[in-house]
PDB file of N, CA and C in Angstrom:
ATOM      1  N   UNK A   1       0.825  -1.188   0.000  1.00  0.00           N
ATOM      2  CA  UNK A   1       0.000   0.000   0.000  1.00  0.00           C
ATOM      3  C   UNK A   1       0.867   1.248   0.000  1.00  0.00           C
ATOM      4  N   UNK A   2       1.973   1.221   0.746  1.00  0.00           N
ATOM      5  CA  UNK A   2       2.809   2.421   0.798  1.00  0.00           C
ATOM      6  C   UNK A   2       3.501   2.668  -0.538  1.00  0.00           C
ATOM      7  N   UNK A   3       3.882   1.590  -1.234  1.00  0.00           N
ATOM      8  CA  UNK A   3       4.523   1.760  -2.540  1.00  0.00           C
ATOM      9  C   UNK A   3       3.552   2.374  -3.544  1.00  0.00           C
ATOM     10  N   UNK A   4       2.308   1.919  -3.536  1.00  0.00           N
ATOM     11  CA  UNK A   4       1.334   2.481  -4.476  1.00  0.00           C
ATOM     12  C   UNK A   4       1.020   3.940  -4.136  1.00  0.00           C
ATOM     13  N   UNK A   5       0.962   4.278  -2.849  1.00  0.00           N
ATOM     14  CA  UNK A   5       0.744   5.670  -2.464  1.00  0.00           C
ATOM     15  C   UNK A   5       1.921   6.535  -2.897  1.00  0.00           C
ATOM     16  N   UNK A   6       3.140   6.037  -2.712  1.00  0.00           N
ATOM     17  CA  UNK A   6       4.327   6.790  -3.125  1.00  0.00           C
ATOM     18  C   UNK A   6       4.357   6.960  -4.637  1.00  0.00           C
ATOM     19  N   UNK A   7       3.981   5.921  -5.387  1.00  0.00           N
ATOM     20  CA  UNK A   7       3.962   6.029  -6.846  1.00  0.00           C
ATOM     21  C   UNK A   7       2.914   7.037  -7.302  1.00  0.00           C
ATOM     22  N   UNK A   8       1.747   7.017  -6.683  1.00  0.00           N
ATOM     23  CA  UNK A   8       0.692   7.965  -7.027  1.00  0.00           C
ATOM     24  C   UNK A   8       1.142   9.395  -6.742  1.00  0.00           C
ATOM     25  N   UNK A   9       1.732   9.616  -5.589  1.00  0.00           N
ATOM     26  CA  UNK A   9       2.205  10.946  -5.234  1.00  0.00           C
ATOM     27  C   UNK A   9       3.347  11.389  -6.150  1.00  0.00           C
ATOM     28  N   UNK A  10       4.274  10.478  -6.458  1.00  0.00           N
ATOM     29  CA  UNK A  10       5.368  10.805  -7.370  1.00  0.00           C
ATOM     30  C   UNK A  10       4.874  11.139  -8.768  1.00  0.00           C
ATOM     31  N   UNK A  11       3.886  10.391  -9.251  1.00  0.00           N
ATOM     32  CA  UNK A  11       3.328  10.658 -10.579  1.00  0.00           C
ATOM     33  C   UNK A  11       2.593  11.993 -10.607  1.00  0.00           C
ATOM     34  N   UNK A  12       1.890  12.308  -9.542  1.00  0.00           N
ATOM     35  CA  UNK A  12       1.195  13.592  -9.487  1.00  0.00           C
ATOM     36  C   UNK A  12       2.187  14.752  -9.438  1.00  0.00           C
ATOM     37  N   UNK A  13       3.246  14.606  -8.644  1.00  0.00           N
ATOM     38  CA  UNK A  13       4.245  15.669  -8.556  1.00  0.00           C
ATOM     39  C   UNK A  13       5.021  15.843  -9.856  1.00  0.00           C
ATOM     40  N   UNK A  14       5.217  14.761 -10.607  1.00  0.00           N
ATOM     41  CA  UNK A  14       5.950  14.833 -11.876  1.00  0.00           C
ATOM     42  C   UNK A  14       5.044  15.205 -13.040  1.00  0.00           C
ATOM     43  N   UNK A  15       3.779  15.409 -12.753  1.00  0.00           N
ATOM     44  CA  UNK A  15       2.785  15.733 -13.778  1.00  0.00           C
ATOM     45  C   UNK A  15       2.709  14.657 -14.860  1.00  0.00           C
ATOM     46  N   UNK A  16       2.807  13.416 -14.441  1.00  0.00           N
ATOM     47  CA  UNK A  16       2.757  12.292 -15.377  1.00  0.00           C
ATOM     48  C   UNK A  16       1.334  12.018 -15.850  1.00  0.00           C
ATOM     49  N   UNK A  17       0.377  12.771 -15.395  1.00  0.00           N
ATOM     50  CA  UNK A  17      -1.016  12.620 -15.818  1.00  0.00           C
ATOM     51  C   UNK A  17      -1.332  13.480 -17.033  1.00  0.00           C
ATOM     52  N   UNK A  18      -0.406  14.335 -17.434  1.00  0.00           N
ATOM     53  CA  UNK A  18      -0.657  15.198 -18.582  1.00  0.00           C
ATOM     54  C   UNK A  18      -0.757  14.386 -19.864  1.00  0.00           C
ATOM     55  N   UNK A  19      -1.440  14.938 -20.836  1.00  0.00           N
ATOM     56  CA  UNK A  19      -1.679  14.221 -22.093  1.00  0.00           C
ATOM     57  C   UNK A  19      -0.375  13.889 -22.815  1.00  0.00           C
ATOM     58  N   UNK A  20       0.603  14.803 -22.817  1.00  0.00           N
ATOM     59  CA  UNK A  20       1.836  14.502 -23.540  1.00  0.00           C
ATOM     60  C   UNK A  20       2.690  13.463 -22.825  1.00  0.00           C
ATOM     61  N   UNK A  21       2.423  13.196 -21.550  1.00  0.00           N
ATOM     62  CA  UNK A  21       3.132  12.124 -20.844  1.00  0.00           C
ATOM     63  C   UNK A  21       2.498  10.772 -21.136  1.00  0.00           C
ATOM     64  N   UNK A  22       1.207  10.774 -21.406  1.00  0.00           N
ATOM     65  CA  UNK A  22       0.503   9.519 -21.641  1.00  0.00           C
ATOM     66  C   UNK A  22       0.424   9.191 -23.125  1.00  0.00           C
ATOM     67  N   UNK A  23       0.038  10.139 -23.939  1.00  0.00           N
ATOM     68  CA  UNK A  23      -0.065   9.955 -25.384  1.00  0.00           C
ATOM     69  C   UNK A  23       0.828  10.971 -26.086  1.00  0.00           C
ATOM     70  N   UNK A  24       2.121  10.726 -26.088  1.00  0.00           N
ATOM     71  CA  UNK A  24       3.014  11.733 -26.650  1.00  0.00           C
ATOM     72  C   UNK A  24       3.015  11.718 -28.180  1.00  0.00           C
ATOM     73  N   UNK A  25       3.075  12.902 -28.741  1.00  0.00           N
ATOM     74  CA  UNK A  25       3.260  12.972 -30.186  1.00  0.00           C
ATOM     75  C   UNK A  25       4.726  12.697 -30.521  1.00  0.00           C
ATOM     76  N   UNK A  26       5.601  12.954 -29.563  1.00  0.00           N
ATOM     77  CA  UNK A  26       7.015  12.602 -29.660  1.00  0.00           C
ATOM     78  C   UNK A  26       7.309  11.627 -28.519  1.00  0.00           C
ATOM     79  N   UNK A  27       7.638  10.367 -28.793  1.00  0.00           N
ATOM     80  CA  UNK A  27       7.801   9.357 -27.740  1.00  0.00           C
ATOM     81  C   UNK A  27       8.909   9.646 -26.732  1.00  0.00           C
ATOM     82  N   UNK A  28       9.737  10.660 -26.960  1.00  0.00           N
ATOM     83  CA  UNK A  28      10.794  10.945 -25.997  1.00  0.00           C
ATOM     84  C   UNK A  28      10.250  11.571 -24.708  1.00  0.00           C
ATOM     85  N   UNK A  29       9.045  12.143 -24.737  1.00  0.00           N
ATOM     86  CA  UNK A  29       8.492  12.756 -23.541  1.00  0.00           C
ATOM     87  C   UNK A  29       8.070  11.727 -22.498  1.00  0.00           C
ATOM     88  N   UNK A  30       7.511  10.637 -22.923  1.00  0.00           N
ATOM     89  CA  UNK A  30       6.982   9.647 -21.990  1.00  0.00           C
ATOM     90  C   UNK A  30       8.052   9.040 -21.082  1.00  0.00           C
ATOM     91  N   UNK A  31       9.197   8.584 -21.597  1.00  0.00           N
ATOM     92  CA  UNK A  31      10.238   8.072 -20.690  1.00  0.00           C
ATOM     93  C   UNK A  31      10.776   9.138 -19.739  1.00  0.00           C
ATOM     94  N   UNK A  32      10.809  10.379 -20.180  1.00  0.00           N
ATOM     95  CA  UNK A  32      11.287  11.443 -19.298  1.00  0.00           C
ATOM     96  C   UNK A  32      10.331  11.634 -18.119  1.00  0.00           C
ATOM     97  N   UNK A  33       9.035  11.645 -18.402  1.00  0.00           N
ATOM     98  CA  UNK A  33       8.059  11.765 -17.320  1.00  0.00           C
ATOM     99  C   UNK A  33       8.107  10.546 -16.406  1.00  0.00           C
ATOM    100  N   UNK A  34       8.286   9.367 -17.004  1.00  0.00           N
ATOM    101  CA  UNK A  34       8.379   8.142 -16.205  1.00  0.00           C
ATOM    102  C   UNK A  34       9.602   8.186 -15.298  1.00  0.00           C
ATOM    103  N   UNK A  35      10.730   8.650 -15.818  1.00  0.00           N
ATOM    104  CA  UNK A  35      11.958   8.707 -15.016  1.00  0.00           C
ATOM    105  C   UNK A  35      11.816   9.693 -13.858  1.00  0.00           C
ATOM    106  N   UNK A  36      11.267  10.861 -14.133  1.00  0.00           N
ATOM    107  CA  UNK A  36      11.090  11.860 -13.071  1.00  0.00           C
ATOM    108  C   UNK A  36      10.113  11.344 -12.018  1.00  0.00           C
ATOM    109  N   UNK A  37       9.010  10.760 -12.451  1.00  0.00           N
ATOM    110  CA  UNK A  37       8.037  10.213 -11.502  1.00  0.00           C
ATOM    111  C   UNK A  37       8.651   9.076 -10.692  1.00  0.00           C
ATOM    112  N   UNK A  38       9.461   8.241 -11.335  1.00  0.00           N
ATOM    113  CA  UNK A  38      10.117   7.148 -10.621  1.00  0.00           C
ATOM    114  C   UNK A  38      11.116   7.639  -9.589  1.00  0.00           C
ATOM    115  N   UNK A  39      11.890   8.650  -9.950  1.00  0.00           N
ATOM    116  CA  UNK A  39      12.865   9.209  -9.000  1.00  0.00           C
ATOM    117  C   UNK A  39      12.152   9.837  -7.807  1.00  0.00           C
ATOM    118  N   UNK A  40      11.096  10.580  -8.069  1.00  0.00           N
ATOM    119  CA  UNK A  40      10.322  11.162  -6.969  1.00  0.00           C
ATOM    120  C   UNK A  40       9.698  10.078  -6.097  1.00  0.00           C
ATOM    121  N   UNK A  41       9.215   9.023  -6.720  1.00  0.00           N
ATOM    122  CA  UNK A  41       8.603   7.927  -5.977  1.00  0.00           C
ATOM    123  C   UNK A  41       9.606   7.255  -5.051  1.00  0.00           C
ATOM    124  N   UNK A  42      10.795   6.974  -5.572  1.00  0.00           N
ATOM    125  CA  UNK A  42      11.826   6.342  -4.751  1.00  0.00           C
ATOM    126  C   UNK A  42      12.217   7.255  -3.596  1.00  0.00           C
ATOM    127  N   UNK A  43      12.349   8.541  -3.875  1.00  0.00           N
ATOM    128  CA  UNK A  43      12.711   9.482  -2.819  1.00  0.00           C
ATOM    129  C   UNK A  43      11.632   9.524  -1.736  1.00  0.00           C
ATOM    130  N   UNK A  44      10.365   9.575  -2.127  1.00  0.00           N
ATOM    131  CA  UNK A  44       9.268   9.598  -1.154  1.00  0.00           C
ATOM    132  C   UNK A  44       9.248   8.305  -0.341  1.00  0.00           C
ATOM    133  N   UNK A  45       9.457   7.177  -1.004  1.00  0.00           N
ATOM    134  CA  UNK A  45       9.460   5.886  -0.302  1.00  0.00           C
ATOM    135  C   UNK A  45      10.601   5.805   0.712  1.00  0.00           C
ATOM    136  N   UNK A  46      11.792   6.222   0.322  1.00  0.00           N
ATOM    137  CA  UNK A  46      12.944   6.169   1.230  1.00  0.00           C
ATOM    138  C   UNK A  46      12.739   7.116   2.410  1.00  0.00           C
ATOM    139  N   UNK A  47      12.302   8.332   2.135  1.00  0.00           N
ATOM    140  CA  UNK A  47      12.118   9.300   3.218  1.00  0.00           C
ATOM    141  C   UNK A  47      11.001   8.888   4.176  1.00  0.00           C
ATOM    142  N   UNK A  48       9.914   8.353   3.658  1.00  0.00           N
ATOM    143  CA  UNK A  48       8.827   7.928   4.550  1.00  0.00           C
ATOM    144  C   UNK A  48       9.240   6.719   5.384  1.00  0.00           C
ATOM    145  N   UNK A  49      10.035   5.832   4.807  1.00  0.00           N
ATOM    146  CA  UNK A  49      10.519   4.676   5.565  1.00  0.00           C
ATOM    147  C   UNK A  49      11.485   5.104   6.654  1.00  0.00           C
ATOM    148  N   UNK A  50      12.392   6.010   6.317  1.00  0.00           N
ATOM    149  CA  UNK A  50      13.337   6.495   7.321  1.00  0.00           C
ATOM    150  C   UNK A  50      12.612   7.255   8.432  1.00  0.00           C
ATOM    151  N   UNK A  51      11.585   8.030   8.079  1.00  0.00           N
ATOM    152  CA  UNK A  51      10.804   8.742   9.096  1.00  0.00           C
ATOM    153  C   UNK A  51      10.073   7.753  10.005  1.00  0.00           C
ATOM    154  N   UNK A  52       9.537   6.680   9.431  1.00  0.00           N
ATOM    155  CA  UNK A  52       8.856   5.666  10.244  1.00  0.00           C
ATOM    156  C   UNK A  52       9.833   4.988  11.199  1.00  0.00           C
ATOM    157  N   UNK A  53      11.045   4.724  10.725  1.00  0.00           N
ATOM    158  CA  UNK A  53      12.052   4.127  11.601  1.00  0.00           C
ATOM    159  C   UNK A  53      12.452   5.088  12.719  1.00  0.00           C
ATOM    160  N   UNK A  54      12.613   6.353  12.386  1.00  0.00           N
ATOM    161  CA  UNK A  54      12.975   7.340  13.412  1.00  0.00           C
ATOM    162  C   UNK A  54      11.870   7.502  14.445  1.00  0.00           C
ATOM    163  N   UNK A  55      10.608   7.430  14.020  1.00  0.00           N
ATOM    164  CA  UNK A  55       9.498   7.515  14.967  1.00  0.00           C
ATOM    165  C   UNK A  55       9.473   6.326  15.924  1.00  0.00           C
ATOM    166  N   UNK A  56      10.047   5.206  15.503  1.00  0.00           N
ATOM    167  CA  UNK A  56      10.127   4.026  16.358  1.00  0.00           C
ATOM    168  C   UNK A  56      11.405   4.024  17.196  1.00  0.00           C
ATOM    169  N   UNK A  57      12.219   5.073  17.056  1.00  0.00           N
ATOM    170  CA  UNK A  57      13.446   5.187  17.837  1.00  0.00           C
ATOM    171  C   UNK A  57      14.628   4.459  17.223  1.00  0.00           C
ATOM    172  N   UNK A  58      14.523   4.121  15.941  1.00  0.00           N
ATOM    173  CA  UNK A  58      15.607   3.396  15.267  1.00  0.00           C
ATOM    174  C   UNK A  58      16.284   4.358  14.306  1.00  0.00           C
ATOM    175  N   UNK A  59      17.535   4.645  14.581  1.00  0.00           N
ATOM    176  CA  UNK A  59      18.299   5.525  13.704  1.00  0.00           C
ATOM    177  C   UNK A  59      19.036   4.698  12.660  1.00  0.00           C
ATOM    178  N   UNK A  60      18.985   5.102  11.390  1.00  0.00           N
ATOM    179  CA  UNK A  60      19.725   4.352  10.368  1.00  0.00           C
ATOM    180  C   UNK A  60      21.236   4.387  10.605  1.00  0.00           C
ATOM    181  N   UNK A  61      21.702   5.383  11.368  1.00  0.00           N
ATOM    182  CA  UNK A  61      23.127   5.477  11.664  1.00  0.00           C
ATOM    183  C   UNK A  61      23.512   4.649  12.885  1.00  0.00           C
ATOM    184  N   UNK A  62      22.524   4.026  13.522  1.00  0.00           N
ATOM    185  CA  UNK A  62      22.778   3.214  14.692  1.00  0.00           C
ATOM    186  C   UNK A  62      23.050   1.755  14.369  1.00  0.00           C
ATOM    187  N   UNK A  63      23.294   1.453  13.112  1.00  0.00           N
ATOM    188  CA  UNK A  63      23.539   0.061  12.723  1.00  0.00           C
ATOM    189  C   UNK A  63      24.798  -0.443  13.414  1.00  0.00           C
ATOM    190  N   UNK A  64      24.658  -1.585  14.071  1.00  0.00           N
ATOM    191  CA  UNK A  64      25.784  -2.192  14.762  1.00  0.00           C
ATOM    192  C   UNK A  64      25.920  -1.779  16.210  1.00  0.00           C
ATOM    193  N   UNK A  65      25.166  -0.769  16.645  1.00  0.00           N
ATOM    194  CA  UNK A  65      25.286  -0.295  18.022  1.00  0.00           C
ATOM    195  C   UNK A  65      24.002  -0.480  18.829  1.00  0.00           C
ATOM    196  N   UNK A  66      22.901  -0.839  18.158  1.00  0.00           N
ATOM    197  CA  UNK A  66      21.612  -0.910  18.849  1.00  0.00           C
ATOM    198  C   UNK A  66      21.144  -2.334  19.119  1.00  0.00           C
ATOM    199  N   UNK A  67      21.937  -3.315  18.786  1.00  0.00           N
ATOM    200  CA  UNK A  67      21.558  -4.688  19.053  1.00  0.00           C
ATOM    201  C   UNK A  67      21.225  -5.460  17.790  1.00  0.00           C
ATOM    202  N   UNK A  68      21.227  -6.779  17.941  1.00  0.00           N
ATOM    203  CA  UNK A  68      21.020  -7.680  16.810  1.00  0.00           C
ATOM    204  C   UNK A  68      19.641  -7.507  16.174  1.00  0.00           C
ATOM    205  N   UNK A  69      18.596  -7.413  16.997  1.00  0.00           N
ATOM    206  CA  UNK A  69      17.221  -7.302  16.469  1.00  0.00           C
ATOM    207  C   UNK A  69      17.035  -6.037  15.634  1.00  0.00           C
ATOM    208  N   UNK A  70      17.598  -4.946  16.100  1.00  0.00           N
ATOM    209  CA  UNK A  70      17.484  -3.695  15.349  1.00  0.00           C
ATOM    210  C   UNK A  70      18.283  -3.780  14.053  1.00  0.00           C
ATOM    211  N   UNK A  71      19.451  -4.400  14.106  1.00  0.00           N
ATOM    212  CA  UNK A  71      20.264  -4.562  12.896  1.00  0.00           C
ATOM    213  C   UNK A  71      19.532  -5.392  11.846  1.00  0.00           C
ATOM    214  N   UNK A  72      18.907  -6.476  12.272  1.00  0.00           N
ATOM    215  CA  UNK A  72      18.157  -7.319  11.344  1.00  0.00           C
ATOM    216  C   UNK A  72      16.987  -6.534  10.762  1.00  0.00           C
ATOM    217  N   UNK A  73      16.327  -5.752  11.584  1.00  0.00           N
ATOM    218  CA  UNK A  73      15.201  -4.951  11.086  1.00  0.00           C
ATOM    219  C   UNK A  73      15.656  -3.908  10.071  1.00  0.00           C
ATOM    220  N   UNK A  74      16.779  -3.253  10.338  1.00  0.00           N
ATOM    221  CA  UNK A  74      17.316  -2.277   9.390  1.00  0.00           C
ATOM    222  C   UNK A  74      17.698  -2.933   8.067  1.00  0.00           C
ATOM    223  N   UNK A  75      18.337  -4.088   8.138  1.00  0.00           N
ATOM    224  CA  UNK A  75      18.736  -4.799   6.915  1.00  0.00           C
ATOM    225  C   UNK A  75      17.491  -5.195   6.124  1.00  0.00           C
ATOM    226  N   UNK A  76      16.514  -5.783   6.786  1.00  0.00           N
ATOM    227  CA  UNK A  76      15.286  -6.198   6.089  1.00  0.00           C
ATOM    228  C   UNK A  76      14.544  -5.004   5.482  1.00  0.00           C
ATOM    229  N   UNK A  77      14.482  -3.917   6.213  1.00  0.00           N
ATOM    230  CA  UNK A  77      13.794  -2.725   5.706  1.00  0.00           C
ATOM    231  C   UNK A  77      14.476  -2.191   4.462  1.00  0.00           C
ATOM    232  N   UNK A  78      15.790  -2.116   4.475  1.00  0.00           N
ATOM    233  CA  UNK A  78      16.504  -1.579   3.317  1.00  0.00           C
ATOM    234  C   UNK A  78      16.478  -2.552   2.132  1.00  0.00           C
ATOM    235  N   UNK A  79      16.482  -3.831   2.396  1.00  0.00           N
ATOM    236  CA  UNK A  79      16.325  -4.800   1.299  1.00  0.00           C
ATOM    237  C   UNK A  79      14.932  -4.676   0.689  1.00  0.00           C
ATOM    238  N   UNK A  80      13.917  -4.493   1.536  1.00  0.00           N
ATOM    239  CA  UNK A  80      12.553  -4.299   1.025  1.00  0.00           C
ATOM    240  C   UNK A  80      12.455  -3.058   0.148  1.00  0.00           C
ATOM    241  N   UNK A  81      13.123  -1.983   0.543  1.00  0.00           N
ATOM    242  CA  UNK A  81      13.101  -0.764  -0.265  1.00  0.00           C
ATOM    243  C   UNK A  81      13.737  -1.022  -1.624  1.00  0.00           C
ATOM    244  N   UNK A  82      14.877  -1.689  -1.632  1.00  0.00           N
ATOM    245  CA  UNK A  82      15.554  -1.977  -2.907  1.00  0.00           C
ATOM    246  C   UNK A  82      14.680  -2.858  -3.789  1.00  0.00           C
ATOM    247  N   UNK A  83      14.083  -3.901  -3.217  1.00  0.00           N
ATOM    248  CA  UNK A  83      13.215  -4.782  -4.000  1.00  0.00           C
ATOM    249  C   UNK A  83      11.982  -4.046  -4.514  1.00  0.00           C
ATOM    250  N   UNK A  84      11.406  -3.175  -3.692  1.00  0.00           N
ATOM    251  CA  UNK A  84      10.258  -2.381  -4.143  1.00  0.00           C
ATOM    252  C   UNK A  84      10.636  -1.494  -5.321  1.00  0.00           C
ATOM    253  N   UNK A  85      11.799  -0.864  -5.247  1.00  0.00           N
ATOM    254  CA  UNK A  85      12.235   0.025  -6.335  1.00  0.00           C
ATOM    255  C   UNK A  85      12.525  -0.760  -7.608  1.00  0.00           C
ATOM    256  N   UNK A  86      13.153  -1.913  -7.492  1.00  0.00           N
ATOM    257  CA  UNK A  86      13.423  -2.748  -8.673  1.00  0.00           C
ATOM    258  C   UNK A  86      12.114  -3.209  -9.293  1.00  0.00           C
ATOM    259  N   UNK A  87      11.176  -3.644  -8.475  1.00  0.00           N
ATOM    260  CA  UNK A  87       9.875  -4.067  -8.978  1.00  0.00           C
ATOM    261  C   UNK A  87       9.155  -2.912  -9.658  1.00  0.00           C
ATOM    262  N   UNK A  88       9.213  -1.740  -9.035  1.00  0.00           N
ATOM    263  CA  UNK A  88       8.542  -0.569  -9.585  1.00  0.00           C
ATOM    264  C   UNK A  88       9.066  -0.248 -10.976  1.00  0.00           C
ATOM    265  N   UNK A  89      10.380  -0.133 -11.114  1.00  0.00           N
ATOM    266  CA  UNK A  89      10.947   0.239 -12.406  1.00  0.00           C
ATOM    267  C   UNK A  89      10.813  -0.873 -13.434  1.00  0.00           C
ATOM    268  N   UNK A  90      10.930  -2.121 -13.007  1.00  0.00           N
ATOM    269  CA  UNK A  90      10.819  -3.228 -13.963  1.00  0.00           C
ATOM    270  C   UNK A  90       9.394  -3.363 -14.492  1.00  0.00           C
ATOM    271  N   UNK A  91       8.437  -3.423 -13.602  1.00  0.00           N
ATOM    272  CA  UNK A  91       7.052  -3.654 -14.054  1.00  0.00           C
ATOM    273  C   UNK A  91       6.485  -2.452 -14.799  1.00  0.00           C
ATOM    274  N   UNK A  92       6.616  -1.275 -14.219  1.00  0.00           N
ATOM    275  CA  UNK A  92       6.052  -0.102 -14.881  1.00  0.00           C
ATOM    276  C   UNK A  92       6.864   0.310 -16.103  1.00  0.00           C
ATOM    277  N   UNK A  93       8.169   0.079 -16.073  1.00  0.00           N
ATOM    278  CA  UNK A  93       8.990   0.390 -17.239  1.00  0.00           C
ATOM    279  C   UNK A  93       8.663  -0.487 -18.428  1.00  0.00           C
ATOM    280  N   UNK A  94       8.507  -1.782 -18.186  1.00  0.00           N
ATOM    281  CA  UNK A  94       8.139  -2.700 -19.270  1.00  0.00           C
ATOM    282  C   UNK A  94       6.758  -2.351 -19.808  1.00  0.00           C
ATOM    283  N   UNK A  95       5.829  -2.051 -18.914  1.00  0.00           N
ATOM    284  CA  UNK A  95       4.490  -1.669 -19.360  1.00  0.00           C
ATOM    285  C   UNK A  95       4.541  -0.392 -20.192  1.00  0.00           C
ATOM    286  N   UNK A  96       5.355   0.570 -19.757  1.00  0.00           N
ATOM    287  CA  UNK A  96       5.436   1.845 -20.475  1.00  0.00           C
ATOM    288  C   UNK A  96       6.038   1.665 -21.859  1.00  0.00           C
ATOM    289  N   UNK A  97       7.092   0.859 -21.971  1.00  0.00           N
ATOM    290  CA  UNK A  97       7.722   0.602 -23.272  1.00  0.00           C
ATOM    291  C   UNK A  97       6.745  -0.137 -24.190  1.00  0.00           C
ATOM    292  N   UNK A  98       6.037  -1.120 -23.653  1.00  0.00           N
ATOM    293  CA  UNK A  98       5.050  -1.848 -24.462  1.00  0.00           C
ATOM    294  C   UNK A  98       3.941  -0.914 -24.926  1.00  0.00           C
ATOM    295  N   UNK A  99       3.514  -0.007 -24.072  1.00  0.00           N
ATOM    296  CA  UNK A  99       2.487   0.949 -24.446  1.00  0.00           C
ATOM    297  C   UNK A  99       2.980   1.883 -25.547  1.00  0.00           C
ATOM    298  N   UNK A 100       4.218   2.350 -25.436  1.00  0.00           N
ATOM    299  CA  UNK A 100       4.771   3.241 -26.456  1.00  0.00           C
ATOM    300  C   UNK A 100       4.905   2.529 -27.795  1.00  0.00           C
ATOM    301  N   UNK A 101       5.317   1.253 -27.759  1.00  0.00           N
ATOM    302  CA  UNK A 101       5.429   0.500 -29.000  1.00  0.00           C
ATOM    303  C   UNK A 101       4.069   0.306 -29.641  1.00  0.00           C
ATOM    304  N   UNK A 102       3.078  -0.002 -28.830  1.00  0.00           N
ATOM    305  CA  UNK A 102       1.723  -0.190 -29.357  1.00  0.00           C
ATOM    306  C   UNK A 102       1.180   1.124 -29.912  1.00  0.00           C
ATOM    307  N   UNK A 103       1.417   2.212 -29.181  1.00  0.00           N
ATOM    308  CA  UNK A 103       0.949   3.512 -29.622  1.00  0.00           C
ATOM    309  C   UNK A 103       1.675   3.928 -30.914  1.00  0.00           C
ATOM    310  N   UNK A 104       2.985   3.659 -30.948  1.00  0.00           N
ATOM    311  CA  UNK A 104       3.773   4.025 -32.127  1.00  0.00           C
ATOM    312  C   UNK A 104       3.412   3.231 -33.353  1.00  0.00           C
ATOM    313  N   UNK A 105       3.042   1.957 -33.176  1.00  0.00           N
ATOM    314  CA  UNK A 105       2.698   1.122 -34.349  1.00  0.00           C
ATOM    315  C   UNK A 105       1.306   1.430 -34.891  1.00  0.00           C
ATOM    316  N   UNK A 106       0.415   1.952 -34.008  1.00  0.00           N
ATOM    317  CA  UNK A 106      -0.939   2.238 -34.472  1.00  0.00           C
ATOM    318  C   UNK A 106      -1.064   3.652 -35.047  1.00  0.00           C
ATOM    319  N   UNK A 107      -0.063   4.480 -34.814  1.00  0.00           N
ATOM    320  CA  UNK A 107      -0.144   5.874 -35.303  1.00  0.00           C
ATOM    321  C   UNK A 107       0.271   5.979 -36.746  1.00  0.00           C
TER     322      UNK A 107
END
């Protein structure tokens, strides 16, 4: 749920809902909007995760000094962020390229 909220917010901030981002007359605009929205999404996801950890009293700089359980939680959280970002770019990127190819072949 948090990844989809971050993607929605990133897309809105990058103005990826505009017509030239969705149905570009020049296909170079769509990947640019996708890249900006993706970068904003990753930034929002990382910052919200770090804020959630700080609210729980876990500092990302406390790795190795706060105990084994906290270290495992930090490692798992950061691995989850990396996997979420890879999934985001892989799935939406492939969909976007397929959409551009379909749009380009029908035009």
